[in-house]
Amino acid sequence: MSSSRRVLVPLPDRDFDVTEVAVPWRMLTDAGHQVVFATEKGHMPAADPLLLTGVLFGKLGADPEPRRFYGDLTLTEGFQKPLTWDAVVPEDFDALLLPGGHAPGMRQYLGSEALQAKVAAFWALQRPVAAICHGVLVLARAQDPATGKSVLHGTRTTCLPKYMERSAYLLTAWKLGRYYRTYPAYVEEEVVASLAEAGHFERGPRAGTKRGTATDHTPAFVVEDGRYVSARWPGDAYLFAQRFLTRL
């Protein structure tokens, strides 16, 4: 086993994606690494509750195994007593992981200029970074102080594809309103606008409802560009975490 690494995982106070946090946490800790959580004011965070119970008619939520992992996670001291974003010293960490989520509470994390500055400082260290789904927005919005451009400028990436975000919204809007539309712009649109060229965005094969698991990565898709790993949605979480682990 490789030597232990400290991995920073910033989160909002509420509404993050169960699978995109719990699966990497489980795999990283099982491999002997330390996962350090951070929230804006150091409050214990909470996942999107609909992903634990089922978004619509008990469907569209997290699978049973990630839900179990999340239950284990909530009992740990590191999760119950996270750092504050202000207290984060980027140089103290070996890697950075940016999870996603789409419910309204995510805007606290996705829109924080203070967090974006910390993320930009970490990116400049040339250490491993991973982002999944809406988490890619944090990188898209984080600016390189030297250029004023996104830290993703010149990097290949994926993120939540527009067709997936739109389909989820259209399927559930009658019941849940704009639950699946975090911002007026689609995630893919904002991420592509931050890149050096549109061709640096990789949408991947069209995803169905089947999700990757610990033993079957067939439905999953990730993009790897040097020390950076990105993925589209919870269905990619196991492969995403595995590829991130290889960089530690």
Protein backbone atom coordinates (compact mmCIF):
# COMPACT_ATOMS: atom_id res chain seq x y z
CA MET A 1 0.00 0.00 0.00
CA SER A 2 1.24 3.50 -0.79
CA SER A 3 2.00 5.96 1.97
CA SER A 4 -0.96 7.85 3.42
CA ARG A 5 -2.06 11.08 1.72
CA ARG A 6 -4.26 13.89 3.06
CA VAL A 7 -7.17 14.59 0.70
CA LEU A 8 -9.22 17.77 1.07
CA VAL A 9 -12.96 17.55 0.33
CA PRO A 10 -14.82 20.88 0.64
CA LEU A 11 -18.62 20.66 1.03
CA PRO A 12 -21.67 22.89 1.45
CA ASP A 13 -23.65 22.70 4.68
CA ARG A 14 -26.33 20.68 2.91
CA ASP A 15 -27.51 19.10 -0.35
CA PHE A 16 -24.32 17.50 -1.70
CA ASP A 17 -24.60 14.24 -3.64
CA VAL A 18 -24.53 11.13 -1.44
CA THR A 19 -22.69 8.88 -3.91
CA GLU A 20 -20.14 11.43 -5.08
CA VAL A 21 -18.96 11.96 -1.50
CA ALA A 22 -19.46 8.59 0.18
CA VAL A 23 -17.96 6.34 -2.51
CA PRO A 24 -14.64 8.24 -2.84
CA TRP A 25 -14.48 8.59 0.96
CA ARG A 26 -14.90 4.83 1.42
CA MET A 27 -12.35 3.94 -1.25
CA LEU A 28 -9.79 6.52 -0.13
CA THR A 29 -10.01 5.56 3.54
CA ASP A 30 -9.92 1.83 2.72
CA ALA A 31 -6.67 2.53 0.86
CA GLY A 32 -5.21 4.15 3.96
CA HIS A 33 -5.59 7.82 3.04
CA GLN A 34 -6.97 10.58 5.28
CA VAL A 35 -10.02 12.46 4.00
CA VAL A 36 -10.37 15.94 5.52
CA PHE A 37 -13.72 17.68 5.09
CA ALA A 38 -14.22 21.46 5.16
CA THR A 39 -17.41 23.53 5.26
CA GLU A 40 -17.85 27.29 5.23
CA LYS A 41 -18.16 27.76 9.01
CA GLY A 42 -17.13 24.30 10.22
CA HIS A 43 -20.71 23.02 10.58
CA MET A 44 -21.33 19.29 10.14
CA PRO A 45 -22.67 18.89 6.59
CA ALA A 46 -25.64 16.86 5.39
CA ALA A 47 -26.32 15.23 2.03
CA ASP A 48 -29.34 15.94 -0.15
CA PRO A 49 -32.09 14.09 1.79
CA LEU A 50 -34.03 13.18 -1.37
CA LEU A 51 -31.06 11.13 -2.57
CA LEU A 52 -31.34 9.03 0.58
CA THR A 53 -35.09 8.41 0.35
CA GLY A 54 -35.72 8.54 -3.40
CA VAL A 55 -36.31 11.65 -5.46
CA LEU A 56 -39.56 10.63 -7.12
CA PHE A 57 -41.69 7.61 -6.17
CA GLY A 58 -38.66 6.19 -4.36
CA LYS A 59 -36.55 6.29 -7.55
CA LEU A 60 -33.58 8.37 -8.80
CA GLY A 61 -31.81 8.35 -5.44
CA ALA A 62 -28.49 6.86 -4.39
CA ASP A 63 -28.01 3.10 -4.61
CA PRO A 64 -28.03 1.02 -1.39
CA GLU A 65 -24.25 0.61 -1.11
CA PRO A 66 -23.41 4.35 -1.31
CA ARG A 67 -26.21 5.01 1.19
CA ARG A 68 -24.56 2.55 3.59
CA PHE A 69 -21.21 4.23 3.07
CA TYR A 70 -22.81 7.58 3.86
CA GLY A 71 -24.27 6.19 7.07
CA ASP A 72 -20.77 5.11 8.11
CA LEU A 73 -19.33 8.47 7.10
CA THR A 74 -21.73 10.46 9.28
CA LEU A 75 -20.41 8.64 12.37
CA THR A 76 -16.80 9.77 11.85
CA GLU A 77 -15.25 12.65 13.77
CA GLY A 78 -13.72 14.14 10.62
CA PHE A 79 -17.16 14.52 9.09
CA GLN A 80 -18.83 15.73 12.27
CA LYS A 81 -16.12 18.34 12.92
CA PRO A 82 -14.90 19.65 9.56
CA LEU A 83 -12.44 22.48 9.02
CA THR A 84 -13.68 25.90 7.96
CA TRP A 85 -12.87 27.01 4.42
CA ASP A 86 -10.89 29.94 5.84
CA ALA A 87 -8.72 27.55 7.86
CA VAL A 88 -7.72 25.51 4.81
CA VAL A 89 -4.01 25.83 3.95
CA PRO A 90 -3.70 24.34 0.44
CA GLU A 91 -0.07 23.31 0.98
CA ASP A 92 -1.15 21.06 3.87
CA PHE A 93 -2.94 18.67 1.49
CA ASP A 94 -1.71 16.17 -1.04
CA ALA A 95 -4.86 16.09 -3.17
CA LEU A 96 -8.21 17.81 -3.67
CA LEU A 97 -11.58 16.25 -4.46
CA LEU A 98 -14.61 18.35 -5.49
CA PRO A 99 -17.93 16.48 -5.32
CA GLY A 100 -21.17 17.58 -6.91
CA GLY A 101 -24.86 17.82 -6.16
CA HIS A 102 -27.68 19.83 -7.70
CA ALA A 103 -30.14 20.85 -4.96
CA PRO A 104 -30.31 24.53 -3.83
CA GLY A 105 -27.94 24.17 -0.86
CA MET A 106 -25.09 23.47 -3.30
CA ARG A 107 -24.94 27.15 -4.32
CA GLN A 108 -23.14 27.96 -1.05
CA TYR A 109 -20.21 25.81 -2.21
CA LEU A 110 -20.40 26.30 -5.96
CA GLY A 111 -20.62 30.08 -5.73
CA SER A 112 -18.11 30.88 -2.97
CA GLU A 113 -15.34 33.18 -4.18
CA ALA A 114 -13.39 32.44 -0.98
CA LEU A 115 -13.46 28.71 -1.72
CA GLN A 116 -12.59 29.34 -5.38
CA ALA A 117 -9.47 31.22 -4.25
CA LYS A 118 -8.40 28.26 -2.09
CA VAL A 119 -9.03 25.89 -4.99
CA ALA A 120 -7.03 28.07 -7.39
CA ALA A 121 -4.14 28.10 -4.91
CA PHE A 122 -4.27 24.32 -4.64
CA TRP A 123 -4.43 23.90 -8.42
CA ALA A 124 -1.23 25.93 -8.73
CA LEU A 125 0.60 23.37 -6.57
CA GLN A 126 0.35 20.82 -9.42
CA ARG A 127 -0.98 18.14 -7.08
CA PRO A 128 -3.81 15.66 -7.89
CA VAL A 129 -7.28 17.15 -8.33
CA ALA A 130 -10.56 15.32 -8.96
CA ALA A 131 -13.98 16.82 -9.73
CA ILE A 132 -17.30 15.18 -10.53
CA CYS A 133 -20.64 16.48 -11.86
CA HIS A 134 -21.36 20.01 -10.52
CA GLY A 135 -18.03 19.95 -8.68
CA VAL A 136 -16.33 20.83 -11.99
CA LEU A 137 -18.06 24.22 -11.74
CA VAL A 138 -15.84 25.12 -8.78
CA LEU A 139 -12.79 24.69 -11.01
CA ALA A 140 -14.44 26.46 -13.93
CA ARG A 141 -15.08 29.46 -11.67
CA ALA A 142 -11.70 29.41 -9.92
CA GLN A 143 -9.42 31.95 -11.58
CA ASP A 144 -5.68 31.82 -12.08
CA PRO A 145 -4.53 35.12 -10.51
CA ALA A 146 -1.82 35.52 -13.15
CA THR A 147 -4.11 35.23 -16.17
CA GLY A 148 -7.63 35.95 -14.87
CA LYS A 149 -8.76 32.82 -16.71
CA SER A 150 -10.27 29.67 -15.25
CA VAL A 151 -7.76 27.20 -13.86
CA LEU A 152 -9.35 24.72 -16.29
CA HIS A 153 -8.26 26.84 -19.27
CA GLY A 154 -6.07 24.53 -21.34
CA THR A 155 -7.27 21.37 -19.58
CA ARG A 156 -9.45 18.52 -20.82
CA THR A 157 -12.50 17.76 -18.69
CA THR A 158 -15.99 16.38 -18.48
CA CYS A 159 -18.85 17.36 -16.14
CA LEU A 160 -22.60 16.83 -15.88
CA PRO A 161 -23.72 16.77 -19.54
CA LYS A 162 -26.51 19.11 -20.60
CA TYR A 163 -28.71 16.26 -21.85
CA MET A 164 -28.61 14.57 -18.43
CA GLU A 165 -29.34 17.77 -16.50
CA ARG A 166 -32.18 18.67 -18.86
CA SER A 167 -33.72 15.18 -18.81
CA ALA A 168 -33.74 15.03 -15.00
CA TYR A 169 -35.35 18.47 -14.84
CA LEU A 170 -38.05 17.66 -17.40
CA LEU A 171 -38.85 14.37 -15.68
CA THR A 172 -39.34 15.90 -12.24
CA ALA A 173 -40.31 19.56 -12.75
CA TRP A 174 -44.03 18.86 -12.35
CA LYS A 175 -43.34 17.71 -8.80
CA LEU A 176 -40.07 19.31 -7.73
CA GLY A 177 -39.85 22.51 -9.77
CA ARG A 178 -36.25 23.57 -10.44
CA TYR A 179 -34.72 20.99 -8.09
CA TYR A 180 -32.46 19.70 -10.88
CA ARG A 181 -31.64 23.15 -12.28
CA THR A 182 -29.10 24.63 -9.88
CA TYR A 183 -28.50 27.67 -12.10
CA PRO A 184 -30.20 29.20 -15.16
CA ALA A 185 -27.23 28.07 -17.30
CA TYR A 186 -26.54 24.38 -17.71
CA VAL A 187 -23.37 23.09 -16.03
CA GLU A 188 -21.94 21.96 -19.37
CA GLU A 189 -22.43 25.40 -20.90
CA GLU A 190 -20.52 27.20 -18.13
CA VAL A 191 -17.74 24.63 -18.04
CA VAL A 192 -17.22 24.73 -21.83
CA ALA A 193 -17.12 28.54 -21.72
CA SER A 194 -14.21 28.35 -19.24
CA LEU A 195 -12.05 26.15 -21.46
CA ALA A 196 -9.43 27.18 -23.99
CA GLU A 197 -11.44 25.46 -26.71
CA ALA A 198 -14.75 23.60 -26.88
CA GLY A 199 -12.93 20.44 -27.98
CA HIS A 200 -11.38 20.15 -24.52
CA PHE A 201 -14.80 19.13 -23.19
CA GLU A 202 -15.58 15.39 -23.44
CA ARG A 203 -19.24 14.42 -23.05
CA GLY A 204 -18.62 10.69 -23.13
CA PRO A 205 -21.01 7.99 -24.39
CA ARG A 206 -24.67 8.61 -23.79
CA ALA A 207 -25.49 7.40 -20.28
CA GLY A 208 -28.60 5.42 -19.45
CA THR A 209 -29.88 4.64 -15.98
CA LYS A 210 -27.27 1.94 -15.27
CA ARG A 211 -24.55 3.03 -12.86
CA GLY A 212 -21.04 1.76 -12.41
CA THR A 213 -20.25 -0.29 -9.31
CA ALA A 214 -17.13 -1.44 -7.47
CA THR A 215 -16.99 -4.49 -9.74
CA ASP A 216 -18.46 -3.19 -13.00
CA HIS A 217 -17.13 0.01 -14.60
CA THR A 218 -18.82 -0.67 -17.95
CA PRO A 219 -21.37 2.20 -17.72
CA ALA A 220 -18.86 4.65 -16.22
CA PHE A 221 -16.82 7.38 -17.92
CA VAL A 222 -14.02 9.61 -16.69
CA VAL A 223 -11.62 12.04 -18.34
CA GLU A 224 -7.98 12.01 -17.24
CA ASP A 225 -5.57 14.84 -18.03
CA GLY A 226 -2.31 14.48 -16.16
CA ARG A 227 -2.93 14.90 -12.43
CA TYR A 228 -6.62 15.84 -13.03
CA VAL A 229 -9.55 13.39 -13.11
CA SER A 230 -13.16 14.38 -13.87
CA ALA A 231 -16.46 12.53 -14.16
CA ARG A 232 -20.07 13.24 -15.11
CA TRP A 233 -22.50 11.96 -12.48
CA PRO A 234 -22.93 9.49 -9.57
CA GLY A 235 -22.91 6.58 -12.02
CA ASP A 236 -19.20 7.26 -12.59
CA ALA A 237 -18.23 7.51 -8.89
CA TYR A 238 -16.50 4.15 -8.42
CA LEU A 239 -14.32 4.44 -11.54
CA PHE A 240 -13.71 8.12 -10.73
CA ALA A 241 -12.45 7.25 -7.24
CA GLN A 242 -10.33 4.38 -8.55
CA ARG A 243 -8.59 6.57 -11.14
CA PHE A 244 -8.06 9.30 -8.54
CA LEU A 245 -6.47 6.73 -6.23
CA THR A 246 -3.84 5.90 -8.87
CA ARG A 247 -2.61 9.50 -8.62
CA LEU A 248 -2.03 9.21 -4.88
